Amino acid sequence: MEKKSEYFLSNEEIIADLTKDLEDSCIKDDPSTSVESSKTKDQSHADDESELKPSSKIDDKSDAKTSESPSEFDIDEERLKDRELELTEDEKQNLRSEAEALKNEGNKLFLASEFHNAMRTYTQALLTCPLAFDKDRAILYANRAAASIKHGEKDSAIVDCTKAIELNSTYLKAYLRRAQLYEETDKLDESLADFKKILELDPRHSEANHAVRRLPPIIQERNEKLKDEMLGKLKDLGNLILKPFGLSTNNFNMEQDPATGSYSVKFNQSPS
């Protein structure tokens, strides 16, 4: 029994054995690989330098651009908290009314396909609306997300949908919008989770019902593809290490023990 337990290797041990001393093996055993590796390394440094130099120029230009575009949509909630400490209830209600008017203006801009201006207006409404009104602010974030989608800024839209959900955990429209965005950006597991949440809120929701049946096989197919790619890379890696010894991964067979689930590796001198 002891011999058998020593004979079985864990997956981590198998991979560790395959990848052990990879760099030294490649350099010593394959001169052409060494030359290519050296060239690649030199090129890598060149690429790093070429990226660093333009980035300083880009930063100079983007500083001005950032002040016009990305930062204009930032919401400093700490500053809003400080402001609200000095507000009376009447003042808060007045600001809420102003934010509602800005939201309506943003809706008109959205319907007129002026999506960037709509984003600006929703942002102004968020800067106006007191933090105490969670559901009002959730709607503003969700509306700005809709405008961001139309403006081609899906990542920003996901952030805004998430903020809307944080403010209103039962906001079905925000979940739906984020689920769709997740699927469009290949975040399928996150998309499926949101569609499941939608069904908790509305079991008869048709799109969510369809999605929870449609997405699992797509996710499984993707995962199988990723697994095959990983195993293929590991095999190439193993062959590179074993080549100097006149061996290949074909000399080794992995067999799973159905009782324990662990794997054993068997060596074949002459693989078929």
C-alpha atoms as a PDB file:
ATOM      1  CA  MET A   1       0.000   0.000   0.000  1.00  0.00           C
ATOM      2  CA  GLU A   2       2.884   2.359   0.784  1.00  0.00           C
ATOM      3  CA  LYS A   3       4.410   1.843  -2.653  1.00  0.00           C
ATOM      4  CA  LYS A   4       1.099   2.643  -4.291  1.00  0.00           C
ATOM      5  CA  SER A   5       0.665   5.884  -2.350  1.00  0.00           C
ATOM      6  CA  GLU A   6       4.187   6.979  -3.330  1.00  0.00           C
ATOM      7  CA  TYR A   7       3.404   6.135  -6.960  1.00  0.00           C
ATOM      8  CA  PHE A   8       0.423   8.541  -7.167  1.00  0.00           C
ATOM      9  CA  LEU A   9       1.151  12.207  -7.773  1.00  0.00           C
ATOM     10  CA  SER A  10      -1.103  15.158  -7.266  1.00  0.00           C
ATOM     11  CA  ASN A  11      -1.935  17.497 -10.164  1.00  0.00           C
ATOM     12  CA  GLU A  12       0.190  20.234  -8.554  1.00  0.00           C
ATOM     13  CA  GLU A  13       3.197  17.877  -8.264  1.00  0.00           C
ATOM     14  CA  ILE A  14       2.849  16.794 -11.893  1.00  0.00           C
ATOM     15  CA  ILE A  15       2.776  20.400 -13.132  1.00  0.00           C
ATOM     16  CA  ALA A  16       5.663  21.336 -10.810  1.00  0.00           C
ATOM     17  CA  ASP A  17       7.751  18.490 -12.248  1.00  0.00           C
ATOM     18  CA  LEU A  18       6.933  19.543 -15.800  1.00  0.00           C
ATOM     19  CA  THR A  19       7.821  23.197 -15.305  1.00  0.00           C
ATOM     20  CA  LYS A  20      10.826  22.706 -12.967  1.00  0.00           C
ATOM     21  CA  ASP A  21      14.015  24.431 -14.185  1.00  0.00           C
ATOM     22  CA  LEU A  22      12.320  25.362 -17.460  1.00  0.00           C
ATOM     23  CA  GLU A  23      14.380  28.425 -18.198  1.00  0.00           C
ATOM     24  CA  ASP A  24      17.743  26.719 -17.609  1.00  0.00           C
ATOM     25  CA  SER A  25      16.727  23.674 -19.660  1.00  0.00           C
ATOM     26  CA  CYS A  26      15.641  25.780 -22.592  1.00  0.00           C
ATOM     27  CA  ILE A  27      18.824  27.859 -22.638  1.00  0.00           C
ATOM     28  CA  LYS A  28      21.251  24.988 -22.193  1.00  0.00           C
ATOM     29  CA  ASP A  29      19.703  22.391 -24.463  1.00  0.00           C
ATOM     30  CA  ASP A  30      18.551  24.477 -27.401  1.00  0.00           C
ATOM     31  CA  PRO A  31      21.022  27.157 -28.593  1.00  0.00           C
ATOM     32  CA  SER A  32      18.568  28.504 -31.151  1.00  0.00           C
ATOM     33  CA  THR A  33      16.016  28.928 -28.418  1.00  0.00           C
ATOM     34  CA  SER A  34      18.626  30.778 -26.378  1.00  0.00           C
ATOM     35  CA  VAL A  35      19.340  33.190 -29.226  1.00  0.00           C
ATOM     36  CA  GLU A  36      15.641  33.703 -29.853  1.00  0.00           C
ATOM     37  CA  SER A  37      15.018  34.156 -26.136  1.00  0.00           C
ATOM     38  CA  SER A  38      17.801  36.750 -25.967  1.00  0.00           C
ATOM     39  CA  LYS A  39      16.389  38.614 -28.949  1.00  0.00           C
ATOM     40  CA  THR A  40      12.926  38.495 -27.455  1.00  0.00           C
ATOM     41  CA  LYS A  41      14.262  39.800 -24.159  1.00  0.00           C
ATOM     42  CA  ASP A  42      16.029  42.680 -25.904  1.00  0.00           C
ATOM     43  CA  GLN A  43      12.869  43.429 -27.855  1.00  0.00           C
ATOM     44  CA  SER A  44      10.884  43.316 -24.632  1.00  0.00           C
ATOM     45  CA  HIS A  45      13.072  46.052 -23.164  1.00  0.00           C
ATOM     46  CA  ALA A  46      12.674  48.083 -26.338  1.00  0.00           C
ATOM     47  CA  ASP A  47       8.917  47.704 -26.141  1.00  0.00           C
ATOM     48  CA  ASP A  48       8.933  48.785 -22.526  1.00  0.00           C
ATOM     49  CA  GLU A  49      10.894  51.911 -23.374  1.00  0.00           C
ATOM     50  CA  SER A  50       8.721  52.724 -26.366  1.00  0.00           C
ATOM     51  CA  GLU A  51       5.652  52.457 -24.165  1.00  0.00           C
ATOM     52  CA  LEU A  52       7.095  54.618 -21.427  1.00  0.00           C
ATOM     53  CA  LYS A  53       8.177  57.475 -23.643  1.00  0.00           C
ATOM     54  CA  PRO A  54       4.898  58.053 -25.476  1.00  0.00           C
ATOM     55  CA  SER A  55       2.971  57.560 -22.260  1.00  0.00           C
ATOM     56  CA  SER A  56       4.474  60.718 -20.824  1.00  0.00           C
ATOM     57  CA  LYS A  57       3.296  62.588 -23.910  1.00  0.00           C
ATOM     58  CA  ILE A  58      -0.095  60.952 -23.725  1.00  0.00           C
ATOM     59  CA  ASP A  59      -0.336  61.890 -20.066  1.00  0.00           C
ATOM     60  CA  ASP A  60       0.399  65.502 -20.916  1.00  0.00           C
ATOM     61  CA  LYS A  61      -2.406  65.526 -23.448  1.00  0.00           C
ATOM     62  CA  SER A  62      -4.737  63.376 -21.402  1.00  0.00           C
ATOM     63  CA  ASP A  63      -4.436  65.689 -18.396  1.00  0.00           C
ATOM     64  CA  ALA A  64      -6.364  68.304 -20.298  1.00  0.00           C
ATOM     65  CA  LYS A  65      -8.634  65.678 -21.807  1.00  0.00           C
ATOM     66  CA  THR A  66      -9.237  64.095 -18.410  1.00  0.00           C
ATOM     67  CA  SER A  67     -10.350  67.403 -16.976  1.00  0.00           C
ATOM     68  CA  GLU A  68     -12.871  67.702 -19.800  1.00  0.00           C
ATOM     69  CA  SER A  69     -14.108  64.129 -20.047  1.00  0.00           C
ATOM     70  CA  PRO A  70     -13.523  61.406 -17.445  1.00  0.00           C
ATOM     71  CA  SER A  71     -13.323  63.633 -14.351  1.00  0.00           C
ATOM     72  CA  GLU A  72     -16.477  65.525 -15.213  1.00  0.00           C
ATOM     73  CA  PHE A  73     -18.414  62.345 -14.423  1.00  0.00           C
ATOM     74  CA  ASP A  74     -16.758  61.698 -11.061  1.00  0.00           C
ATOM     75  CA  ILE A  75     -18.903  61.917  -7.950  1.00  0.00           C
ATOM     76  CA  ASP A  76     -17.108  62.956  -4.764  1.00  0.00           C
ATOM     77  CA  GLU A  77     -19.450  61.480  -2.177  1.00  0.00           C
ATOM     78  CA  GLU A  78     -17.265  62.540   0.751  1.00  0.00           C
ATOM     79  CA  ARG A  79     -17.701  66.132  -0.311  1.00  0.00           C
ATOM     80  CA  LEU A  80     -21.445  65.606  -0.627  1.00  0.00           C
ATOM     81  CA  LYS A  81     -21.528  64.148   2.883  1.00  0.00           C
ATOM     82  CA  ASP A  82     -19.777  67.216   4.266  1.00  0.00           C
ATOM     83  CA  ARG A  83     -22.222  69.476   2.439  1.00  0.00           C
ATOM     84  CA  GLU A  84     -25.235  67.659   3.834  1.00  0.00           C
ATOM     85  CA  LEU A  85     -24.121  68.143   7.421  1.00  0.00           C
ATOM     86  CA  GLU A  86     -25.085  71.790   7.095  1.00  0.00           C
ATOM     87  CA  LEU A  87     -28.342  71.275   5.172  1.00  0.00           C
ATOM     88  CA  THR A  88     -31.774  71.539   6.705  1.00  0.00           C
ATOM     89  CA  GLU A  89     -34.524  69.115   5.706  1.00  0.00           C
ATOM     90  CA  ASP A  90     -36.170  71.802   3.603  1.00  0.00           C
ATOM     91  CA  GLU A  91     -32.900  72.478   1.797  1.00  0.00           C
ATOM     92  CA  LYS A  92     -32.483  68.784   1.109  1.00  0.00           C
ATOM     93  CA  GLN A  93     -35.968  68.606  -0.381  1.00  0.00           C
ATOM     94  CA  ASN A  94     -35.256  71.655  -2.545  1.00  0.00           C
ATOM     95  CA  LEU A  95     -32.068  70.022  -3.841  1.00  0.00           C
ATOM     96  CA  ARG A  96     -34.004  66.837  -4.493  1.00  0.00           C
ATOM     97  CA  SER A  97     -36.466  68.824  -6.626  1.00  0.00           C
ATOM     98  CA  GLU A  98     -33.590  70.454  -8.529  1.00  0.00           C
ATOM     99  CA  ALA A  99     -32.083  67.001  -9.157  1.00  0.00           C
ATOM    100  CA  GLU A 100     -35.440  65.737 -10.427  1.00  0.00           C
ATOM    101  CA  ALA A 101     -35.599  68.644 -12.888  1.00  0.00           C
ATOM    102  CA  LEU A 102     -32.059  67.836 -14.061  1.00  0.00           C
ATOM    103  CA  LYS A 103     -33.009  64.178 -14.474  1.00  0.00           C
ATOM    104  CA  ASN A 104     -35.967  65.173 -16.685  1.00  0.00           C
ATOM    105  CA  GLU A 105     -33.665  67.382 -18.739  1.00  0.00           C
ATOM    106  CA  GLY A 106     -31.234  64.461 -19.087  1.00  0.00           C
ATOM    107  CA  ASN A 107     -34.081  62.228 -20.251  1.00  0.00           C
ATOM    108  CA  LYS A 108     -34.952  64.735 -22.982  1.00  0.00           C
ATOM    109  CA  LEU A 109     -31.335  64.861 -24.112  1.00  0.00           C
ATOM    110  CA  PHE A 110     -31.235  61.057 -24.166  1.00  0.00           C
ATOM    111  CA  LEU A 111     -34.359  60.882 -26.329  1.00  0.00           C
ATOM    112  CA  ALA A 112     -32.764  63.449 -28.649  1.00  0.00           C
ATOM    113  CA  SER A 113     -29.717  61.130 -28.961  1.00  0.00           C
ATOM    114  CA  GLU A 114     -27.491  63.709 -27.258  1.00  0.00           C
ATOM    115  CA  PHE A 115     -25.964  61.017 -25.093  1.00  0.00           C
ATOM    116  CA  HIS A 116     -22.828  62.825 -23.934  1.00  0.00           C
ATOM    117  CA  ASN A 117     -24.825  65.840 -22.837  1.00  0.00           C
ATOM    118  CA  ALA A 118     -27.296  63.508 -21.158  1.00  0.00           C
ATOM    119  CA  MET A 119     -24.419  61.946 -19.203  1.00  0.00           C
ATOM    120  CA  ARG A 120     -23.297  65.397 -18.102  1.00  0.00           C
ATOM    121  CA  THR A 121     -26.786  66.342 -16.995  1.00  0.00           C
ATOM    122  CA  TYR A 122     -27.323  63.128 -15.032  1.00  0.00           C
ATOM    123  CA  THR A 123     -23.949  63.761 -13.375  1.00  0.00           C
ATOM    124  CA  GLN A 124     -25.042  67.256 -12.401  1.00  0.00           C
ATOM    125  CA  ALA A 125     -28.201  65.760 -10.958  1.00  0.00           C
ATOM    126  CA  LEU A 126     -26.108  63.301  -8.917  1.00  0.00           C
ATOM    127  CA  LEU A 127     -24.015  66.180  -7.607  1.00  0.00           C
ATOM    128  CA  THR A 128     -27.213  67.983  -6.658  1.00  0.00           C
ATOM    129  CA  CYS A 129     -29.315  65.188  -5.169  1.00  0.00           C
ATOM    130  CA  PRO A 130     -28.623  64.637  -1.441  1.00  0.00           C
ATOM    131  CA  LEU A 131     -27.157  61.244  -0.490  1.00  0.00           C
ATOM    132  CA  ALA A 132     -30.124  60.600   1.773  1.00  0.00           C
ATOM    133  CA  PHE A 133     -32.337  59.827  -1.239  1.00  0.00           C
ATOM    134  CA  ASP A 134     -30.929  56.437  -2.235  1.00  0.00           C
ATOM    135  CA  LYS A 135     -33.596  55.419  -4.739  1.00  0.00           C
ATOM    136  CA  ASP A 136     -33.505  58.780  -6.520  1.00  0.00           C
ATOM    137  CA  ARG A 137     -29.747  58.484  -6.894  1.00  0.00           C
ATOM    138  CA  ALA A 138     -30.048  54.841  -8.034  1.00  0.00           C
ATOM    139  CA  ILE A 139     -32.287  55.968 -10.906  1.00  0.00           C
ATOM    140  CA  LEU A 140     -29.819  58.693 -11.849  1.00  0.00           C
ATOM    141  CA  TYR A 141     -26.942  56.199 -11.963  1.00  0.00           C
ATOM    142  CA  ALA A 142     -29.027  53.760 -14.021  1.00  0.00           C
ATOM    143  CA  ASN A 143     -30.009  56.521 -16.438  1.00  0.00           C
ATOM    144  CA  ARG A 144     -26.414  57.641 -16.793  1.00  0.00           C
ATOM    145  CA  ALA A 145     -25.476  54.004 -17.472  1.00  0.00           C
ATOM    146  CA  ALA A 146     -28.025  53.898 -20.305  1.00  0.00           C
ATOM    147  CA  ALA A 147     -26.514  57.049 -21.817  1.00  0.00           C
ATOM    148  CA  SER A 148     -22.995  55.630 -21.386  1.00  0.00           C
ATOM    149  CA  ILE A 149     -23.995  52.495 -23.300  1.00  0.00           C
ATOM    150  CA  LYS A 150     -25.247  54.593 -26.196  1.00  0.00           C
ATOM    151  CA  HIS A 151     -22.028  56.597 -26.028  1.00  0.00           C
ATOM    152  CA  GLY A 152     -19.989  53.365 -26.310  1.00  0.00           C
ATOM    153  CA  GLU A 153     -18.650  53.349 -22.752  1.00  0.00           C
ATOM    154  CA  LYS A 154     -19.677  49.918 -21.486  1.00  0.00           C
ATOM    155  CA  ASP A 155     -17.208  49.723 -18.599  1.00  0.00           C
ATOM    156  CA  SER A 156     -18.461  53.013 -17.176  1.00  0.00           C
ATOM    157  CA  ALA A 157     -22.018  51.782 -17.618  1.00  0.00           C
ATOM    158  CA  ILE A 158     -21.246  48.621 -15.612  1.00  0.00           C
ATOM    159  CA  VAL A 159     -19.814  50.750 -12.799  1.00  0.00           C
ATOM    160  CA  ASP A 160     -22.932  52.927 -12.758  1.00  0.00           C
ATOM    161  CA  CYS A 161     -25.272  49.918 -12.779  1.00  0.00           C
ATOM    162  CA  THR A 162     -23.344  48.462  -9.868  1.00  0.00           C
ATOM    163  CA  LYS A 163     -23.672  51.734  -7.976  1.00  0.00           C
ATOM    164  CA  ALA A 164     -27.409  51.807  -8.679  1.00  0.00           C
ATOM    165  CA  ILE A 165     -27.740  48.249  -7.325  1.00  0.00           C
ATOM    166  CA  GLU A 166     -25.771  49.174  -4.204  1.00  0.00           C
ATOM    167  CA  LEU A 167     -28.247  51.982  -3.572  1.00  0.00           C
ATOM    168  CA  ASN A 168     -31.305  49.874  -4.390  1.00  0.00           C
ATOM    169  CA  SER A 169     -30.789  46.116  -4.087  1.00  0.00           C
ATOM    170  CA  THR A 170     -34.147  45.347  -5.754  1.00  0.00           C
ATOM    171  CA  TYR A 171     -33.612  47.571  -8.797  1.00  0.00           C
ATOM    172  CA  LEU A 172     -34.495  45.057 -11.521  1.00  0.00           C
ATOM    173  CA  LYS A 173     -33.757  47.370 -14.436  1.00  0.00           C
ATOM    174  CA  ALA A 174     -30.213  47.969 -13.189  1.00  0.00           C
ATOM    175  CA  TYR A 175     -29.626  44.213 -12.832  1.00  0.00           C
ATOM    176  CA  LEU A 176     -30.943  43.618 -16.336  1.00  0.00           C
ATOM    177  CA  ARG A 177     -28.807  46.355 -17.853  1.00  0.00           C
ATOM    178  CA  ARG A 178     -25.710  45.054 -16.083  1.00  0.00           C
ATOM    179  CA  ALA A 179     -26.463  41.428 -17.038  1.00  0.00           C
ATOM    180  CA  GLN A 180     -26.651  42.435 -20.694  1.00  0.00           C
ATOM    181  CA  LEU A 181     -23.423  44.434 -20.419  1.00  0.00           C
ATOM    182  CA  TYR A 182     -21.620  41.564 -18.732  1.00  0.00           C
ATOM    183  CA  GLU A 183     -22.612  39.211 -21.545  1.00  0.00           C
ATOM    184  CA  GLU A 184     -21.548  41.722 -24.198  1.00  0.00           C
ATOM    185  CA  THR A 185     -18.135  42.035 -22.524  1.00  0.00           C
ATOM    186  CA  ASP A 186     -17.668  38.223 -22.181  1.00  0.00           C
ATOM    187  CA  LYS A 187     -18.192  38.168 -18.411  1.00  0.00           C
ATOM    188  CA  LEU A 188     -20.597  35.287 -18.732  1.00  0.00           C
ATOM    189  CA  ASP A 189     -20.506  34.024 -15.157  1.00  0.00           C
ATOM    190  CA  GLU A 190     -21.336  37.487 -13.837  1.00  0.00           C
ATOM    191  CA  SER A 191     -24.082  37.844 -16.430  1.00  0.00           C
ATOM    192  CA  LEU A 192     -25.657  34.535 -15.395  1.00  0.00           C
ATOM    193  CA  ALA A 193     -25.545  35.569 -11.730  1.00  0.00           C
ATOM    194  CA  ASP A 194     -27.406  38.800 -12.526  1.00  0.00           C
ATOM    195  CA  PHE A 195     -30.034  36.996 -14.590  1.00  0.00           C
ATOM    196  CA  LYS A 196     -30.587  34.598 -11.680  1.00  0.00           C
ATOM    197  CA  LYS A 197     -31.030  37.571  -9.365  1.00  0.00           C
ATOM    198  CA  ILE A 198     -33.599  39.001 -11.771  1.00  0.00           C
ATOM    199  CA  LEU A 199     -35.575  35.766 -11.519  1.00  0.00           C
ATOM    200  CA  GLU A 200     -35.559  36.085  -7.739  1.00  0.00           C
ATOM    201  CA  LEU A 201     -37.150  39.508  -8.164  1.00  0.00           C
ATOM    202  CA  ASP A 202     -39.455  38.477 -11.018  1.00  0.00           C
ATOM    203  CA  PRO A 203     -39.750  34.709 -11.649  1.00  0.00           C
ATOM    204  CA  ARG A 204     -41.704  35.316 -14.862  1.00  0.00           C
ATOM    205  CA  HIS A 205     -39.139  37.627 -16.465  1.00  0.00           C
ATOM    206  CA  SER A 206     -38.862  36.221 -20.003  1.00  0.00           C
ATOM    207  CA  GLU A 207     -35.345  37.392 -20.917  1.00  0.00           C
ATOM    208  CA  ALA A 208     -33.892  36.156 -17.635  1.00  0.00           C
ATOM    209  CA  ASN A 209     -35.648  32.789 -17.975  1.00  0.00           C
ATOM    210  CA  HIS A 210     -34.196  32.400 -21.446  1.00  0.00           C
ATOM    211  CA  ALA A 211     -30.723  33.498 -20.315  1.00  0.00           C
ATOM    212  CA  VAL A 212     -30.443  31.016 -17.429  1.00  0.00           C
ATOM    213  CA  ARG A 213     -31.067  28.204 -19.916  1.00  0.00           C
ATOM    214  CA  ARG A 214     -28.938  29.654 -22.690  1.00  0.00           C
ATOM    215  CA  LEU A 215     -25.787  30.734 -20.833  1.00  0.00           C
ATOM    216  CA  PRO A 216     -24.705  27.573 -18.909  1.00  0.00           C
ATOM    217  CA  PRO A 217     -23.810  25.506 -22.021  1.00  0.00           C
ATOM    218  CA  ILE A 218     -21.963  28.511 -23.467  1.00  0.00           C
ATOM    219  CA  ILE A 219     -20.005  28.887 -20.223  1.00  0.00           C
ATOM    220  CA  GLN A 220     -19.230  25.147 -20.185  1.00  0.00           C
ATOM    221  CA  GLU A 221     -18.040  25.233 -23.795  1.00  0.00           C
ATOM    222  CA  ARG A 222     -15.806  28.224 -23.017  1.00  0.00           C
ATOM    223  CA  ASN A 223     -14.369  26.515 -19.942  1.00  0.00           C
ATOM    224  CA  GLU A 224     -13.642  23.326 -21.902  1.00  0.00           C
ATOM    225  CA  LYS A 225     -11.888  25.367 -24.565  1.00  0.00           C
ATOM    226  CA  LEU A 226      -9.797  27.162 -21.942  1.00  0.00           C
ATOM    227  CA  LYS A 227      -8.920  23.821 -20.320  1.00  0.00           C
ATOM    228  CA  ASP A 228      -7.847  22.343 -23.659  1.00  0.00           C
ATOM    229  CA  GLU A 229      -5.713  25.402 -24.373  1.00  0.00           C
ATOM    230  CA  MET A 230      -4.073  25.143 -20.966  1.00  0.00           C
ATOM    231  CA  LEU A 231      -3.367  21.436 -21.350  1.00  0.00           C
ATOM    232  CA  GLY A 232      -1.972  22.074 -24.817  1.00  0.00           C
ATOM    233  CA  LYS A 233       0.425  24.675 -23.442  1.00  0.00           C
ATOM    234  CA  LEU A 234       1.474  22.356 -20.632  1.00  0.00           C
ATOM    235  CA  LYS A 235       2.128  19.600 -23.176  1.00  0.00           C
ATOM    236  CA  ASP A 236       4.261  21.912 -25.317  1.00  0.00           C
ATOM    237  CA  LEU A 237       6.115  22.936 -22.176  1.00  0.00           C
ATOM    238  CA  GLY A 238       6.715  19.323 -21.187  1.00  0.00           C
ATOM    239  CA  ASN A 239       7.957  18.407 -24.654  1.00  0.00           C
ATOM    240  CA  LEU A 240      10.399  21.316 -24.579  1.00  0.00           C
ATOM    241  CA  ILE A 241      11.867  20.093 -21.288  1.00  0.00           C
ATOM    242  CA  LEU A 242      11.919  16.397 -22.219  1.00  0.00           C
ATOM    243  CA  LYS A 243      13.349  16.849 -25.715  1.00  0.00           C
ATOM    244  CA  PRO A 244      17.051  16.917 -24.624  1.00  0.00           C
ATOM    245  CA  PHE A 245      16.498  13.518 -22.976  1.00  0.00           C
ATOM    246  CA  GLY A 246      14.995  11.993 -26.109  1.00  0.00           C
ATOM    247  CA  LEU A 247      11.569  11.876 -24.518  1.00  0.00           C
ATOM    248  CA  SER A 248       8.205  13.520 -24.960  1.00  0.00           C
ATOM    249  CA  THR A 249       4.975  13.743 -23.046  1.00  0.00           C
ATOM    250  CA  ASN A 250       3.791  10.773 -25.117  1.00  0.00           C
ATOM    251  CA  ASN A 251       6.104   8.625 -22.961  1.00  0.00           C
ATOM    252  CA  PHE A 252       3.881   9.327 -19.971  1.00  0.00           C
ATOM    253  CA  ASN A 253       0.283   8.287 -19.414  1.00  0.00           C
ATOM    254  CA  MET A 254      -1.870   9.747 -16.662  1.00  0.00           C
ATOM    255  CA  GLU A 255      -4.479   7.448 -15.166  1.00  0.00           C
ATOM    256  CA  GLN A 256      -7.072   8.517 -12.608  1.00  0.00           C
ATOM    257  CA  ASP A 257      -7.899   6.289  -9.669  1.00  0.00           C
ATOM    258  CA  PRO A 258     -11.719   6.196  -9.548  1.00  0.00           C
ATOM    259  CA  ALA A 259     -11.621   5.507  -5.809  1.00  0.00           C
ATOM    260  CA  THR A 260      -9.484   8.459  -4.747  1.00  0.00           C
ATOM    261  CA  GLY A 261      -9.692  10.790  -7.746  1.00  0.00           C
ATOM    262  CA  SER A 262      -5.891  11.142  -7.736  1.00  0.00           C
ATOM    263  CA  TYR A 263      -3.726  10.527 -10.778  1.00  0.00           C
ATOM    264  CA  SER A 264      -0.811   8.169 -11.365  1.00  0.00           C
ATOM    265  CA  VAL A 265       1.804   8.597 -14.060  1.00  0.00           C
ATOM    266  CA  LYS A 266       3.020   5.587 -16.011  1.00  0.00           C
ATOM    267  CA  PHE A 267       6.135   5.629 -18.148  1.00  0.00           C
ATOM    268  CA  ASN A 268       6.186   3.982 -21.582  1.00  0.00           C
ATOM    269  CA  GLN A 269       9.591   3.580 -23.205  1.00  0.00           C
ATOM    270  CA  SER A 270       8.035   3.146 -26.648  1.00  0.00           C
ATOM    271  CA  PRO A 271       4.800   5.126 -26.880  1.00  0.00           C
ATOM    272  CA  SER A 272       2.353   4.152 -29.591  1.00  0.00           C
END
